[in-house]
Amino acid sequence: MKLQIRRSVSSQGQGQGLISVYGKGAAATFWFGSGQQTTEDEAERNARLFAAAPELLAALKDLLPACRVARDIVCERNEVPAAMDEAIERAGAAIAKAEGRA
């Protein structure tokens, strides 16, 4: 699903306002501009990430078991690169955090 983006510029001054992004089952709004530490581009990137989070989590949950199987196959033939083990651990930790288990 394509994300929908809405921009609202404040009448208080130029260069400030908010960006709202709507995705499949999620939405996010970020302020940008005057008095904020976030630029308009950063606000849009953050809002896109938040709105896509449910789909990203589902994809990671689908990929993780396949990565573990691939690691086990590689392990049978030769030594598993540390980076592969670390990536699998980080993915598992990210899923746990998103699900409130960490």
Protein backbone atom coordinates (compact mmCIF):
# COMPACT_ATOMS: atom_id res chain seq x y z
CA MET A 1 0.00 0.00 0.00
CA LYS A 2 1.26 3.43 -0.89
CA LEU A 3 1.62 5.81 2.03
CA GLN A 4 -0.51 8.95 2.07
CA ILE A 5 1.25 12.16 3.10
CA ARG A 6 -0.37 15.35 4.37
CA ARG A 7 1.56 18.53 5.09
CA SER A 8 0.27 21.36 7.24
CA VAL A 9 2.27 24.55 7.44
CA SER A 10 1.77 26.69 10.52
CA SER A 11 0.28 30.14 10.12
CA GLN A 12 2.68 31.22 12.91
CA GLY A 13 5.62 31.42 10.55
CA GLN A 14 7.36 29.94 7.56
CA GLY A 15 9.26 26.71 7.77
CA GLN A 16 7.26 25.11 10.56
CA GLY A 17 4.31 22.79 10.66
CA LEU A 18 3.59 19.10 10.67
CA ILE A 19 3.69 16.10 8.39
CA SER A 20 1.22 13.25 8.75
CA VAL A 21 1.72 9.93 7.01
CA TYR A 22 -0.94 7.23 6.82
CA GLY A 23 -0.15 3.61 5.98
CA LYS A 24 -1.72 0.19 6.32
CA GLY A 25 -2.84 0.07 9.94
CA ALA A 26 -0.58 2.91 11.15
CA ALA A 27 -0.25 6.66 11.08
CA ALA A 28 2.33 9.11 12.35
CA THR A 29 2.59 12.87 12.70
CA PHE A 30 5.78 14.84 13.29
CA TRP A 31 6.33 18.54 13.91
CA PHE A 32 9.13 20.36 12.13
CA GLY A 33 10.61 23.81 11.97
CA SER A 34 10.99 26.71 14.35
CA GLY A 35 11.89 25.60 17.86
CA GLN A 36 12.01 21.96 16.76
CA GLN A 37 15.18 19.98 16.24
CA THR A 38 13.64 18.24 13.24
CA THR A 39 13.70 19.56 9.69
CA GLU A 40 10.80 19.01 7.32
CA ASP A 41 12.72 16.26 5.47
CA GLU A 42 13.58 14.49 8.74
CA ALA A 43 9.98 14.74 9.91
CA GLU A 44 8.79 13.15 6.68
CA ARG A 45 11.36 10.32 6.88
CA ASN A 46 10.40 9.62 10.52
CA ALA A 47 6.69 9.68 9.74
CA ARG A 48 7.18 7.30 6.80
CA LEU A 49 9.16 4.90 9.01
CA PHE A 50 6.49 4.92 11.74
CA ALA A 51 3.67 4.41 9.24
CA ALA A 52 5.52 1.50 7.59
CA ALA A 53 6.48 -0.12 10.93
CA PRO A 54 3.72 -2.78 11.02
CA GLU A 55 4.66 -4.01 7.55
CA LEU A 56 8.38 -3.89 8.35
CA LEU A 57 7.82 -5.93 11.51
CA ALA A 58 5.76 -8.53 9.64
CA ALA A 59 8.43 -8.84 6.95
CA LEU A 60 11.21 -9.22 9.53
CA LYS A 61 9.20 -11.89 11.36
CA ASP A 62 8.79 -13.76 8.06
CA LEU A 63 12.50 -13.47 7.19
CA LEU A 64 14.01 -14.42 10.55
CA PRO A 65 13.23 -18.16 10.44
CA ALA A 66 14.65 -18.41 6.90
CA CYS A 67 17.81 -16.63 8.06
CA ARG A 68 18.20 -19.08 10.93
CA VAL A 69 17.85 -22.04 8.55
CA ALA A 70 20.40 -20.49 6.17
CA ARG A 71 22.78 -19.96 9.11
CA ASP A 72 22.40 -23.59 10.15
CA ILE A 73 23.13 -24.80 6.60
CA VAL A 74 26.21 -22.58 6.39
CA CYS A 75 27.29 -23.77 9.85
CA GLU A 76 27.23 -27.40 8.68
CA ARG A 77 29.61 -26.61 5.81
CA ASN A 78 31.92 -24.03 7.38
CA GLU A 79 32.15 -21.42 10.06
CA VAL A 80 29.28 -18.93 10.26
CA PRO A 81 30.42 -15.32 9.87
CA ALA A 82 30.01 -13.38 13.12
CA ALA A 83 28.14 -10.67 11.22
CA MET A 84 25.45 -13.19 10.27
CA ASP A 85 24.95 -14.30 13.88
CA GLU A 86 24.91 -10.69 15.05
CA ALA A 87 22.32 -9.69 12.43
CA ILE A 88 20.07 -12.58 13.43
CA GLU A 89 20.37 -11.65 17.11
CA ARG A 90 19.61 -7.97 16.37
CA ALA A 91 16.57 -8.95 14.31
CA GLY A 92 15.25 -11.15 17.11
CA ALA A 93 15.85 -8.38 19.66
CA ALA A 94 14.10 -5.80 17.46
CA ILE A 95 11.05 -8.07 17.11
CA ALA A 96 10.95 -8.64 20.87
CA LYS A 97 11.19 -4.89 21.50
CA ALA A 98 8.41 -4.11 19.02
CA GLU A 99 6.19 -6.74 20.65
CA GLY A 100 6.89 -5.43 24.17
CA ARG A 101 8.90 -8.47 25.26
CA ALA A 102 12.16 -6.59 25.80
